[in-house]
PDB file of all heavy atoms in Angstrom:
ATOM      1  N   LEU A   1      15.162  59.203  13.327  1.00  0.00           N
ATOM      2  CA  LEU A   1      14.056  60.022  13.819  1.00  0.00           C
ATOM      3  C   LEU A   1      13.190  60.529  12.667  1.00  0.00           C
ATOM      4  O   LEU A   1      11.958  60.492  12.736  1.00  0.00           O
ATOM      5  CB  LEU A   1      14.609  61.175  14.645  1.00  0.00           C
ATOM      6  CG  LEU A   1      13.667  61.888  15.599  1.00  0.00           C
ATOM      7  CD1 LEU A   1      13.030  60.930  16.593  1.00  0.00           C
ATOM      8  CD2 LEU A   1      14.428  62.983  16.348  1.00  0.00           C
ATOM      9  N   SER A   2      13.820  60.974  11.596  1.00  0.00           N
ATOM     10  CA  SER A   2      13.072  61.471  10.435  1.00  0.00           C
ATOM     11  C   SER A   2      12.237  60.374   9.796  1.00  0.00           C
ATOM     12  O   SER A   2      11.065  60.584   9.472  1.00  0.00           O
ATOM     13  CB  SER A   2      14.023  62.051   9.388  1.00  0.00           C
ATOM     14  OG  SER A   2      14.674  63.182   9.873  1.00  0.00           O
ATOM     15  N   HIS A   3      12.839  59.205   9.598  1.00  0.00           N
ATOM     16  CA  HIS A   3      12.094  58.091   9.007  1.00  0.00           C
ATOM     17  C   HIS A   3      10.939  57.666   9.900  1.00  0.00           C
ATOM     18  O   HIS A   3       9.840  57.400   9.418  1.00  0.00           O
ATOM     19  CB  HIS A   3      13.017  56.905   8.727  1.00  0.00           C
ATOM     20  CG  HIS A   3      13.748  57.010   7.445  1.00  0.00           C
ATOM     21  ND1 HIS A   3      13.222  56.595   6.244  1.00  0.00           N
ATOM     22  CD2 HIS A   3      14.971  57.509   7.153  1.00  0.00           C
ATOM     23  CE1 HIS A   3      14.087  56.822   5.280  1.00  0.00           C
ATOM     24  NE2 HIS A   3      15.162  57.380   5.805  1.00  0.00           N
ATOM     25  N   LEU A   4      11.193  57.618  11.183  1.00  0.00           N
ATOM     26  CA  LEU A   4      10.150  57.233  12.126  1.00  0.00           C
ATOM     27  C   LEU A   4       9.021  58.257  12.139  1.00  0.00           C
ATOM     28  O   LEU A   4       7.844  57.899  12.185  1.00  0.00           O
ATOM     29  CB  LEU A   4      10.765  57.078  13.524  1.00  0.00           C
ATOM     30  CG  LEU A   4       9.964  56.350  14.584  1.00  0.00           C
ATOM     31  CD1 LEU A   4       9.536  54.971  14.118  1.00  0.00           C
ATOM     32  CD2 LEU A   4      10.794  56.235  15.855  1.00  0.00           C
ATOM     33  N   ALA A   5       9.367  59.526  12.055  1.00  0.00           N
ATOM     34  CA  ALA A   5       8.346  60.581  12.028  1.00  0.00           C
ATOM     35  C   ALA A   5       7.502  60.496  10.758  1.00  0.00           C
ATOM     36  O   ALA A   5       6.295  60.718  10.789  1.00  0.00           O
ATOM     37  CB  ALA A   5       9.000  61.959  12.140  1.00  0.00           C
ATOM     38  N   ARG A   6       8.151  60.176   9.630  1.00  0.00           N
ATOM     39  CA  ARG A   6       7.421  60.086   8.358  1.00  0.00           C
ATOM     40  C   ARG A   6       6.585  58.823   8.252  1.00  0.00           C
ATOM     41  O   ARG A   6       5.445  58.858   7.796  1.00  0.00           O
ATOM     42  CB  ARG A   6       8.399  60.132   7.179  1.00  0.00           C
ATOM     43  CG  ARG A   6       8.827  61.513   6.794  1.00  0.00           C
ATOM     44  CD  ARG A   6       9.517  61.534   5.440  1.00  0.00           C
ATOM     45  NE  ARG A   6      10.629  60.613   5.321  1.00  0.00           N
ATOM     46  CZ  ARG A   6      11.883  60.877   5.692  1.00  0.00           C
ATOM     47  NH1 ARG A   6      12.186  62.053   6.200  1.00  0.00           N
ATOM     48  NH2 ARG A   6      12.833  59.981   5.544  1.00  0.00           N
ATOM     49  N   SER A   7       7.167  57.693   8.663  1.00  0.00           N
ATOM     50  CA  SER A   7       6.486  56.408   8.452  1.00  0.00           C
ATOM     51  C   SER A   7       5.541  56.027   9.583  1.00  0.00           C
ATOM     52  O   SER A   7       4.693  55.163   9.404  1.00  0.00           O
ATOM     53  CB  SER A   7       7.520  55.299   8.246  1.00  0.00           C
ATOM     54  OG  SER A   7       8.286  55.109   9.416  1.00  0.00           O
ATOM     55  N   GLY A   8       5.685  56.657  10.733  1.00  0.00           N
ATOM     56  CA  GLY A   8       4.835  56.320  11.865  1.00  0.00           C
ATOM     57  C   GLY A   8       5.442  55.205  12.693  1.00  0.00           C
ATOM     58  O   GLY A   8       6.521  54.693  12.379  1.00  0.00           O
ATOM     59  N   PRO A   9       4.759  54.832  13.761  1.00  0.00           N
ATOM     60  CA  PRO A   9       5.285  53.808  14.670  1.00  0.00           C
ATOM     61  C   PRO A   9       5.655  52.518  13.934  1.00  0.00           C
ATOM     62  O   PRO A   9       4.909  52.055  13.059  1.00  0.00           O
ATOM     63  CB  PRO A   9       4.135  53.566  15.645  1.00  0.00           C
ATOM     64  CG  PRO A   9       3.353  54.845  15.608  1.00  0.00           C
ATOM     65  CD  PRO A   9       3.462  55.335  14.194  1.00  0.00           C
ATOM     66  N   THR A  10       6.806  51.977  14.290  1.00  0.00           N
ATOM     67  CA  THR A  10       7.288  50.743  13.670  1.00  0.00           C
ATOM     68  C   THR A  10       8.296  50.083  14.592  1.00  0.00           C
ATOM     69  O   THR A  10       8.724  50.679  15.576  1.00  0.00           O
ATOM     70  CB  THR A  10       7.908  51.032  12.281  1.00  0.00           C
ATOM     71  OG1 THR A  10       8.159  49.807  11.608  1.00  0.00           O
ATOM     72  CG2 THR A  10       9.180  51.840  12.390  1.00  0.00           C
ATOM     73  N   THR A  11       8.683  48.878  14.268  1.00  0.00           N
ATOM     74  CA  THR A  11       9.677  48.176  15.074  1.00  0.00           C
ATOM     75  C   THR A  11      11.075  48.623  14.673  1.00  0.00           C
ATOM     76  O   THR A  11      11.297  49.148  13.580  1.00  0.00           O
ATOM     77  CB  THR A  11       9.572  46.647  14.877  1.00  0.00           C
ATOM     78  OG1 THR A  11       9.903  46.341  13.513  1.00  0.00           O
ATOM     79  CG2 THR A  11       8.186  46.128  15.227  1.00  0.00           C
ATOM     80  N   SER A  12      12.002  48.369  15.558  1.00  0.00           N
ATOM     81  CA  SER A  12      13.395  48.717  15.297  1.00  0.00           C
ATOM     82  C   SER A  12      13.915  47.985  14.065  1.00  0.00           C
ATOM     83  O   SER A  12      14.596  48.570  13.230  1.00  0.00           O
ATOM     84  CB  SER A  12      14.238  48.366  16.529  1.00  0.00           C
ATOM     85  OG  SER A  12      15.598  48.600  16.289  1.00  0.00           O
ATOM     86  N   SER A  13      13.580  46.709  13.936  1.00  0.00           N
ATOM     87  CA  SER A  13      14.086  45.936  12.792  1.00  0.00           C
ATOM     88  C   SER A  13      13.472  46.413  11.476  1.00  0.00           C
ATOM     89  O   SER A  13      14.165  46.463  10.455  1.00  0.00           O
ATOM     90  CB  SER A  13      13.841  44.437  12.989  1.00  0.00           C
ATOM     91  OG  SER A  13      12.465  44.171  13.138  1.00  0.00           O
ATOM     92  N   GLU A  14      12.213  46.796  11.486  1.00  0.00           N
ATOM     93  CA  GLU A  14      11.591  47.322  10.263  1.00  0.00           C
ATOM     94  C   GLU A  14      12.224  48.654   9.879  1.00  0.00           C
ATOM     95  O   GLU A  14      12.476  48.917   8.700  1.00  0.00           O
ATOM     96  CB  GLU A  14      10.082  47.484  10.453  1.00  0.00           C
ATOM     97  CG  GLU A  14       9.339  46.163  10.506  1.00  0.00           C
ATOM     98  CD  GLU A  14       7.899  46.299  10.974  1.00  0.00           C
ATOM     99  OE1 GLU A  14       7.480  47.406  11.372  1.00  0.00           O
ATOM    100  OE2 GLU A  14       7.199  45.277  10.964  1.00  0.00           O
ATOM    101  N   LEU A  15      12.506  49.485  10.873  1.00  0.00           N
ATOM    102  CA  LEU A  15      13.143  50.775  10.617  1.00  0.00           C
ATOM    103  C   LEU A  15      14.562  50.560  10.082  1.00  0.00           C
ATOM    104  O   LEU A  15      14.987  51.241   9.138  1.00  0.00           O
ATOM    105  CB  LEU A  15      13.164  51.615  11.892  1.00  0.00           C
ATOM    106  CG  LEU A  15      13.620  53.058  11.765  1.00  0.00           C
ATOM    107  CD1 LEU A  15      12.766  53.837  10.764  1.00  0.00           C
ATOM    108  CD2 LEU A  15      13.566  53.744  13.120  1.00  0.00           C
ATOM    109  N   ALA A  16      15.286  49.604  10.643  1.00  0.00           N
ATOM    110  CA  ALA A  16      16.638  49.294  10.162  1.00  0.00           C
ATOM    111  C   ALA A  16      16.593  48.863   8.695  1.00  0.00           C
ATOM    112  O   ALA A  16      17.428  49.285   7.890  1.00  0.00           O
ATOM    113  CB  ALA A  16      17.265  48.191  11.019  1.00  0.00           C
ATOM    114  N   ARG A  17      15.611  48.052   8.351  1.00  0.00           N
ATOM    115  CA  ARG A  17      15.456  47.605   6.974  1.00  0.00           C
ATOM    116  C   ARG A  17      15.176  48.791   6.045  1.00  0.00           C
ATOM    117  O   ARG A  17      15.737  48.893   4.964  1.00  0.00           O
ATOM    118  CB  ARG A  17      14.322  46.588   6.901  1.00  0.00           C
ATOM    119  CG  ARG A  17      14.558  45.466   5.972  1.00  0.00           C
ATOM    120  CD  ARG A  17      13.510  44.362   5.972  1.00  0.00           C
ATOM    121  NE  ARG A  17      12.373  44.453   6.856  1.00  0.00           N
ATOM    122  CZ  ARG A  17      12.282  43.877   8.063  1.00  0.00           C
ATOM    123  NH1 ARG A  17      13.286  43.172   8.528  1.00  0.00           N
ATOM    124  NH2 ARG A  17      11.205  44.004   8.796  1.00  0.00           N
ATOM    125  N   GLU A  18      14.312  49.714   6.487  1.00  0.00           N
ATOM    126  CA  GLU A  18      13.962  50.888   5.681  1.00  0.00           C
ATOM    127  C   GLU A  18      15.167  51.761   5.380  1.00  0.00           C
ATOM    128  O   GLU A  18      15.308  52.269   4.268  1.00  0.00           O
ATOM    129  CB  GLU A  18      12.908  51.744   6.390  1.00  0.00           C
ATOM    130  CG  GLU A  18      11.511  51.210   6.324  1.00  0.00           C
ATOM    131  CD  GLU A  18      10.531  52.117   7.046  1.00  0.00           C
ATOM    132  OE1 GLU A  18      10.699  53.351   6.998  1.00  0.00           O
ATOM    133  OE2 GLU A  18       9.594  51.584   7.666  1.00  0.00           O
ATOM    134  N   VAL A  19      16.030  51.970   6.369  1.00  0.00           N
ATOM    135  CA  VAL A  19      17.182  52.859   6.178  1.00  0.00           C
ATOM    136  C   VAL A  19      18.445  52.094   5.806  1.00  0.00           C
ATOM    137  O   VAL A  19      19.509  52.684   5.672  1.00  0.00           O
ATOM    138  CB  VAL A  19      17.424  53.785   7.395  1.00  0.00           C
ATOM    139  CG1 VAL A  19      16.230  54.671   7.643  1.00  0.00           C
ATOM    140  CG2 VAL A  19      17.787  53.007   8.624  1.00  0.00           C
ATOM    141  N   GLN A  20      18.311  50.777   5.660  1.00  0.00           N
ATOM    142  CA  GLN A  20      19.373  49.907   5.175  1.00  0.00           C
ATOM    143  C   GLN A  20      20.623  49.917   6.052  1.00  0.00           C
ATOM    144  O   GLN A  20      21.738  50.140   5.597  1.00  0.00           O
ATOM    145  CB  GLN A  20      19.735  50.264   3.732  1.00  0.00           C
ATOM    146  CG  GLN A  20      18.564  50.107   2.796  1.00  0.00           C
ATOM    147  CD  GLN A  20      18.895  50.502   1.372  1.00  0.00           C
ATOM    148  OE1 GLN A  20      19.894  51.144   1.098  1.00  0.00           O
ATOM    149  NE2 GLN A  20      18.030  50.098   0.452  1.00  0.00           N
ATOM    150  N   ILE A  21      20.392  49.700   7.357  1.00  0.00           N
ATOM    151  CA  ILE A  21      21.504  49.500   8.277  1.00  0.00           C
ATOM    152  C   ILE A  21      21.206  48.242   9.087  1.00  0.00           C
ATOM    153  O   ILE A  21      20.097  47.708   9.021  1.00  0.00           O
ATOM    154  CB  ILE A  21      21.744  50.711   9.219  1.00  0.00           C
ATOM    155  CG1 ILE A  21      20.550  50.928  10.148  1.00  0.00           C
ATOM    156  CG2 ILE A  21      22.065  51.955   8.412  1.00  0.00           C
ATOM    157  CD1 ILE A  21      20.821  51.941  11.246  1.00  0.00           C
ATOM    158  N   THR A  22      22.176  47.780   9.849  1.00  0.00           N
ATOM    159  CA  THR A  22      21.961  46.568  10.631  1.00  0.00           C
ATOM    160  C   THR A  22      20.981  46.833  11.777  1.00  0.00           C
ATOM    161  O   THR A  22      20.864  47.968  12.260  1.00  0.00           O
ATOM    162  CB  THR A  22      23.277  46.037  11.226  1.00  0.00           C
ATOM    163  OG1 THR A  22      23.767  46.980  12.183  1.00  0.00           O
ATOM    164  CG2 THR A  22      24.312  45.774  10.142  1.00  0.00           C
ATOM    165  N   ALA A  23      20.311  45.776  12.180  1.00  0.00           N
ATOM    166  CA  ALA A  23      19.380  45.889  13.302  1.00  0.00           C
ATOM    167  C   ALA A  23      20.119  46.312  14.575  1.00  0.00           C
ATOM    168  O   ALA A  23      19.582  47.067  15.383  1.00  0.00           O
ATOM    169  CB  ALA A  23      18.653  44.560  13.510  1.00  0.00           C
ATOM    170  N   GLN A  24      21.358  45.842  14.736  1.00  0.00           N
ATOM    171  CA  GLN A  24      22.143  46.193  15.912  1.00  0.00           C
ATOM    172  C   GLN A  24      22.448  47.695  15.929  1.00  0.00           C
ATOM    173  O   GLN A  24      22.341  48.344  16.974  1.00  0.00           O
ATOM    174  CB  GLN A  24      23.459  45.397  15.958  1.00  0.00           C
ATOM    175  CG  GLN A  24      23.270  43.915  16.187  1.00  0.00           C
ATOM    176  CD  GLN A  24      22.902  43.156  14.909  1.00  0.00           C
ATOM    177  OE1 GLN A  24      22.851  43.710  13.820  1.00  0.00           O
ATOM    178  NE2 GLN A  24      22.616  41.872  15.052  1.00  0.00           N
ATOM    179  N   SER A  25      22.832  48.244  14.782  1.00  0.00           N
ATOM    180  CA  SER A  25      23.119  49.680  14.710  1.00  0.00           C
ATOM    181  C   SER A  25      21.870  50.493  14.995  1.00  0.00           C
ATOM    182  O   SER A  25      21.912  51.496  15.713  1.00  0.00           O
ATOM    183  CB  SER A  25      23.667  50.057  13.335  1.00  0.00           C
ATOM    184  OG  SER A  25      24.931  49.482  13.138  1.00  0.00           O
ATOM    185  N   MET A  26      20.748  50.063  14.430  1.00  0.00           N
ATOM    186  CA  MET A  26      19.499  50.784  14.663  1.00  0.00           C
ATOM    187  C   MET A  26      19.112  50.687  16.128  1.00  0.00           C
ATOM    188  O   MET A  26      18.650  51.665  16.716  1.00  0.00           O
ATOM    189  CB  MET A  26      18.375  50.234  13.777  1.00  0.00           C
ATOM    190  CG  MET A  26      17.055  50.976  13.954  1.00  0.00           C
ATOM    191  SD  MET A  26      17.172  52.765  13.668  1.00  0.00           S
ATOM    192  CE  MET A  26      17.377  52.797  11.901  1.00  0.00           C
ATOM    193  N   GLY A  27      19.304  49.528  16.724  1.00  0.00           N
ATOM    194  CA  GLY A  27      18.991  49.372  18.138  1.00  0.00           C
ATOM    195  C   GLY A  27      19.791  50.337  19.007  1.00  0.00           C
ATOM    196  O   GLY A  27      19.252  50.955  19.929  1.00  0.00           O
TER     197      GLY A  27
END
C-alpha cells in the first residue's frame, strides 16, 4: 500500500518487482 501510494497506479507485477517479492505473493 505504501509503495503504491508513493509510486502511483501500477500493475501488480511492476509493484512486485519494486518491492522484490514474487508476483504471486503480491497478487
